[in-house]
Amino acid sequence: MSPLFPERLLVRLSPAEVRVGAKSYACDPAFGAEPWHGALEVLKDGAWPRARVTVVLSNHFVRYSLVPWSDALATPAEEEAYLRHHFAKIHGERAKGWVLRASQSARGEPRVASAVDAALIQAVRAAFPKGGKARLLSVQPALMYIFNRARDAVPRSGAWLVIAEAERACVALHADGAFRAVQNGRGEWRTLLDRERHRVAGETPNLALIDGAAAPSGDPYWKFSNAGT
């Protein structure tokens, strides 16, 4: 623990809410041209304590894709170009303005890549300037933050991770040490989960770890559990 920044503070941004630790602040999802502009208005007006801050971004603000492994990538620049090409095939020219990251995986295994507007990352960093009371440690997409917190509950045989939000759900399958599927879309989480189970080839686990919604009981197929985040 740093004596200058003794506390750790979790800040979660979504279109209609900013959560700072246990406190919640409403924001206007229709404010500005981007869905995150309202949340940033709340964030930049915050009176921050002396703390080390992790900011978690709602899946409303993130695109995900499962990216095949490539042995041809020798440098960080080559990896970024590979990821950008992958997202550009799906989303076109918009991908030029995104910050891209990919999860770690064993050699030969696919990885989950995330894409976030560079302007959003810059605005979050500007809300925690150098010399301020709060020091920004990291900015993380919700899927990666929640998976890292819940990964000890994922058996080798695998589990589905479900992140439920208002009007959106993100569903990802992690099995045999790597991500096997990811889908981030509008709608109700249970519908998306059932659709993804049938879309993925081969047998898949029936364990689903849920964040953002109550874990149902008594389901004839699924074994639901809270993600514990």
Protein backbone atom coordinates (compact mmCIF):
# COMPACT_ATOMS: atom_id res chain seq x y z
CA MET A 1 0.00 0.00 0.00
CA SER A 2 1.35 3.40 -0.97
CA PRO A 3 1.51 5.91 1.93
CA LEU A 4 0.64 8.70 -0.53
CA PHE A 5 -2.36 6.85 -2.01
CA PRO A 6 -3.59 4.60 0.85
CA GLU A 7 -6.97 3.59 -0.53
CA ARG A 8 -8.06 1.63 -3.59
CA LEU A 9 -11.19 2.98 -5.26
CA LEU A 10 -13.31 1.28 -7.92
CA VAL A 11 -15.21 3.53 -10.33
CA ARG A 12 -17.68 1.96 -12.79
CA LEU A 13 -18.96 4.00 -15.73
CA SER A 14 -22.20 3.23 -17.59
CA PRO A 15 -24.54 5.36 -19.72
CA ALA A 16 -26.96 6.19 -16.89
CA GLU A 17 -24.86 5.73 -13.76
CA VAL A 18 -21.43 6.33 -12.28
CA ARG A 19 -20.62 4.16 -9.29
CA VAL A 20 -17.82 5.34 -7.03
CA GLY A 21 -17.17 2.66 -4.46
CA ALA A 22 -20.55 2.05 -2.79
CA LYS A 23 -22.04 5.35 -3.97
CA SER A 24 -24.07 5.82 -7.13
CA TYR A 25 -24.54 8.98 -9.21
CA ALA A 26 -27.11 9.27 -11.98
CA CYS A 27 -26.08 10.66 -15.35
CA ASP A 28 -27.87 11.46 -18.61
CA PRO A 29 -27.20 8.89 -21.36
CA ALA A 30 -28.56 11.36 -23.93
CA PHE A 31 -26.06 14.07 -22.98
CA GLY A 32 -23.62 14.83 -25.79
CA ALA A 33 -22.87 12.99 -29.00
CA GLU A 34 -21.51 9.80 -27.43
CA PRO A 35 -23.19 7.49 -24.89
CA TRP A 36 -20.33 8.05 -22.45
CA HIS A 37 -20.41 11.87 -22.47
CA GLY A 38 -22.91 12.06 -19.61
CA ALA A 39 -20.85 9.73 -17.42
CA LEU A 40 -17.71 11.78 -18.09
CA GLU A 41 -19.49 14.97 -16.98
CA VAL A 42 -20.10 13.31 -13.61
CA LEU A 43 -16.59 11.89 -13.49
CA LYS A 44 -14.75 15.12 -14.16
CA ASP A 45 -16.77 16.94 -11.49
CA GLY A 46 -15.88 14.39 -8.81
CA ALA A 47 -14.26 15.44 -5.54
CA TRP A 48 -11.79 12.59 -5.24
CA PRO A 49 -10.20 11.30 -2.05
CA ARG A 50 -6.53 10.36 -1.96
CA ALA A 51 -6.74 6.95 -3.56
CA ARG A 52 -5.56 4.63 -6.31
CA VAL A 53 -8.39 4.39 -8.83
CA THR A 54 -9.46 1.62 -11.21
CA VAL A 55 -12.08 2.66 -13.76
CA VAL A 56 -14.27 -0.08 -15.25
CA LEU A 57 -16.10 0.68 -18.50
CA SER A 58 -19.61 -0.56 -19.17
CA ASN A 59 -19.94 -2.93 -22.10
CA HIS A 60 -22.09 -0.23 -23.71
CA PHE A 61 -18.76 1.52 -24.37
CA VAL A 62 -16.73 -1.49 -25.56
CA ARG A 63 -16.60 -3.73 -28.65
CA TYR A 64 -15.25 -7.26 -28.31
CA SER A 65 -14.09 -9.86 -30.78
CA LEU A 66 -12.51 -13.29 -30.63
CA VAL A 67 -9.19 -13.01 -32.47
CA PRO A 68 -7.30 -16.04 -33.83
CA TRP A 69 -3.74 -16.63 -32.72
CA SER A 70 -1.00 -15.55 -35.13
CA ASP A 71 2.63 -16.73 -35.04
CA ALA A 72 3.62 -13.85 -37.32
CA LEU A 73 3.41 -11.15 -34.63
CA ALA A 74 6.87 -10.26 -33.38
CA THR A 75 6.43 -6.72 -32.00
CA PRO A 76 3.74 -4.68 -30.20
CA ALA A 77 3.29 -2.61 -33.36
CA GLU A 78 2.60 -5.73 -35.42
CA GLU A 79 0.10 -6.93 -32.84
CA GLU A 80 -1.73 -3.60 -32.85
CA ALA A 81 -1.86 -3.60 -36.66
CA TYR A 82 -3.22 -7.16 -36.59
CA LEU A 83 -5.93 -6.27 -34.08
CA ARG A 84 -6.85 -3.08 -35.93
CA HIS A 85 -7.16 -4.97 -39.21
CA HIS A 86 -9.42 -7.51 -37.50
CA PHE A 87 -11.77 -4.81 -36.10
CA ALA A 88 -11.69 -2.82 -39.36
CA LYS A 89 -13.05 -5.85 -41.23
CA ILE A 90 -16.05 -5.79 -38.89
CA HIS A 91 -16.56 -2.10 -38.16
CA GLY A 92 -14.82 -0.25 -41.00
CA GLU A 93 -13.04 3.09 -40.70
CA ARG A 94 -14.29 3.70 -37.16
CA ALA A 95 -11.68 1.26 -35.88
CA LYS A 96 -8.94 3.82 -36.62
CA GLY A 97 -10.02 5.85 -33.57
CA TRP A 98 -10.13 2.99 -31.08
CA VAL A 99 -7.71 1.82 -28.40
CA LEU A 100 -7.23 -1.94 -28.77
CA ARG A 101 -6.18 -4.58 -26.26
CA ALA A 102 -6.10 -8.39 -26.31
CA SER A 103 -6.24 -10.91 -23.48
CA GLN A 104 -3.40 -13.31 -22.73
CA SER A 105 -3.67 -16.91 -23.90
CA ALA A 106 -1.57 -20.00 -24.40
CA ARG A 107 0.27 -20.25 -27.69
CA GLY A 108 -2.09 -21.16 -30.50
CA GLU A 109 -5.25 -20.28 -28.59
CA PRO A 110 -7.67 -17.48 -29.55
CA ARG A 111 -7.83 -14.27 -27.54
CA VAL A 112 -10.56 -11.81 -26.70
CA ALA A 113 -9.76 -8.34 -28.01
CA SER A 114 -11.45 -5.15 -26.85
CA ALA A 115 -11.88 -1.81 -28.61
CA VAL A 116 -12.67 1.48 -26.85
CA ASP A 117 -12.95 4.99 -28.26
CA ALA A 118 -9.59 6.71 -27.78
CA ALA A 119 -11.43 9.90 -26.81
CA LEU A 120 -13.07 8.08 -23.90
CA ILE A 121 -9.74 6.80 -22.60
CA GLN A 122 -8.24 10.29 -22.90
CA ALA A 123 -11.20 11.85 -21.06
CA VAL A 124 -10.95 9.36 -18.20
CA ARG A 125 -7.23 10.06 -17.83
CA ALA A 126 -7.88 13.81 -17.86
CA ALA A 127 -10.30 13.39 -14.93
CA PHE A 128 -7.37 12.18 -12.80
CA PRO A 129 -4.53 14.59 -13.60
CA LYS A 130 -1.01 14.16 -12.28
CA GLY A 131 -0.63 15.87 -8.94
CA GLY A 132 -4.27 15.30 -8.00
CA LYS A 133 -5.51 13.52 -4.89
CA ALA A 134 -6.52 10.42 -6.85
CA ARG A 135 -4.10 8.44 -9.03
CA LEU A 136 -5.49 6.45 -11.96
CA LEU A 137 -4.14 2.90 -11.97
CA SER A 138 -6.00 1.43 -14.92
CA VAL A 139 -8.99 1.64 -17.24
CA GLN A 140 -10.54 -1.76 -17.92
CA PRO A 141 -13.43 -3.07 -20.02
CA ALA A 142 -16.08 -4.71 -17.84
CA LEU A 143 -15.61 -8.16 -19.34
CA MET A 144 -11.92 -8.31 -18.51
CA TYR A 145 -12.31 -6.82 -15.04
CA ILE A 146 -15.10 -9.21 -14.06
CA PHE A 147 -13.40 -12.24 -15.59
CA ASN A 148 -10.18 -11.55 -13.70
CA ARG A 149 -12.14 -11.30 -10.46
CA ALA A 150 -14.12 -14.49 -11.15
CA ARG A 151 -11.49 -16.66 -12.85
CA ASP A 152 -10.84 -18.84 -9.78
CA ALA A 153 -14.48 -19.94 -10.02
CA VAL A 154 -14.03 -21.09 -13.65
CA PRO A 155 -13.18 -24.82 -13.74
CA ARG A 156 -10.91 -26.30 -16.41
CA SER A 157 -14.00 -27.70 -18.13
CA GLY A 158 -15.16 -24.12 -18.56
CA ALA A 159 -17.95 -21.72 -17.74
CA TRP A 160 -19.97 -18.98 -19.33
CA LEU A 161 -19.54 -15.47 -17.95
CA VAL A 162 -22.67 -13.33 -18.16
CA ILE A 163 -22.56 -9.57 -17.55
CA ALA A 164 -26.06 -8.14 -17.38
CA GLU A 165 -26.70 -4.41 -17.79
CA ALA A 166 -29.70 -2.28 -18.64
CA GLU A 167 -30.63 -3.04 -22.25
CA ARG A 168 -27.39 -4.95 -22.85
CA ALA A 169 -25.68 -8.22 -22.05
CA CYS A 170 -22.21 -9.59 -22.65
CA VAL A 171 -21.74 -13.37 -22.76
CA ALA A 172 -18.36 -15.08 -23.02
CA LEU A 173 -17.29 -18.72 -22.88
CA HIS A 174 -13.96 -19.64 -21.25
CA ALA A 175 -12.93 -23.29 -21.40
CA ASP A 176 -9.68 -25.28 -21.47
CA GLY A 177 -7.71 -22.20 -20.50
CA ALA A 178 -8.88 -19.84 -23.24
CA PHE A 179 -11.85 -17.82 -24.44
CA ARG A 180 -13.98 -19.73 -26.96
CA ALA A 181 -16.75 -17.24 -27.67
CA VAL A 182 -17.81 -13.69 -26.89
CA GLN A 183 -20.95 -11.76 -27.73
CA ASN A 184 -21.85 -8.25 -26.58
CA GLY A 185 -25.27 -7.07 -27.68
CA ARG A 186 -28.52 -5.38 -26.86
CA GLY A 187 -31.26 -7.30 -25.17
CA GLU A 188 -31.90 -9.60 -22.24
CA TRP A 189 -29.03 -11.71 -20.92
CA ARG A 190 -30.87 -15.05 -20.79
CA THR A 191 -31.87 -14.83 -24.45
CA LEU A 192 -28.31 -14.04 -25.49
CA LEU A 193 -26.88 -16.86 -23.36
CA ASP A 194 -29.21 -19.49 -24.82
CA ARG A 195 -28.51 -18.27 -28.34
CA GLU A 196 -24.75 -18.43 -27.84
CA ARG A 197 -24.93 -21.94 -26.39
CA HIS A 198 -26.51 -23.18 -29.60
CA ARG A 199 -24.20 -21.17 -31.83
CA VAL A 200 -20.93 -22.56 -30.44
CA ALA A 201 -19.91 -25.86 -32.02
CA GLY A 202 -19.49 -28.95 -29.87
CA GLU A 203 -20.35 -29.54 -26.23
CA THR A 204 -20.26 -26.57 -23.92
CA PRO A 205 -20.40 -26.32 -20.11
CA ASN A 206 -23.70 -25.65 -18.38
CA LEU A 207 -22.16 -23.47 -15.65
CA ALA A 208 -22.91 -19.75 -16.00
CA LEU A 209 -21.41 -17.11 -13.69
CA ILE A 210 -23.56 -13.98 -13.55
CA ASP A 211 -22.70 -10.37 -12.75
CA GLY A 212 -25.35 -7.66 -12.62
CA ALA A 213 -28.38 -9.92 -12.14
CA ALA A 214 -29.63 -12.49 -9.64
CA ALA A 215 -28.62 -16.07 -10.37
CA PRO A 216 -31.81 -18.09 -11.07
CA SER A 217 -32.37 -21.40 -9.32
CA GLY A 218 -34.03 -24.62 -10.39
CA ASP A 219 -33.20 -24.36 -14.10
CA PRO A 220 -33.47 -27.72 -15.92
CA TYR A 221 -30.28 -27.13 -17.95
CA TRP A 222 -28.16 -24.30 -16.54
CA LYS A 223 -26.24 -24.25 -13.29
CA PHE A 224 -26.22 -20.56 -12.37
CA SER A 225 -23.92 -18.91 -9.85
CA ASN A 226 -23.05 -15.34 -8.96
CA ALA A 227 -19.73 -14.19 -10.39
CA GLY A 228 -18.79 -12.89 -6.97
CA THR A 229 -17.54 -9.49 -8.09
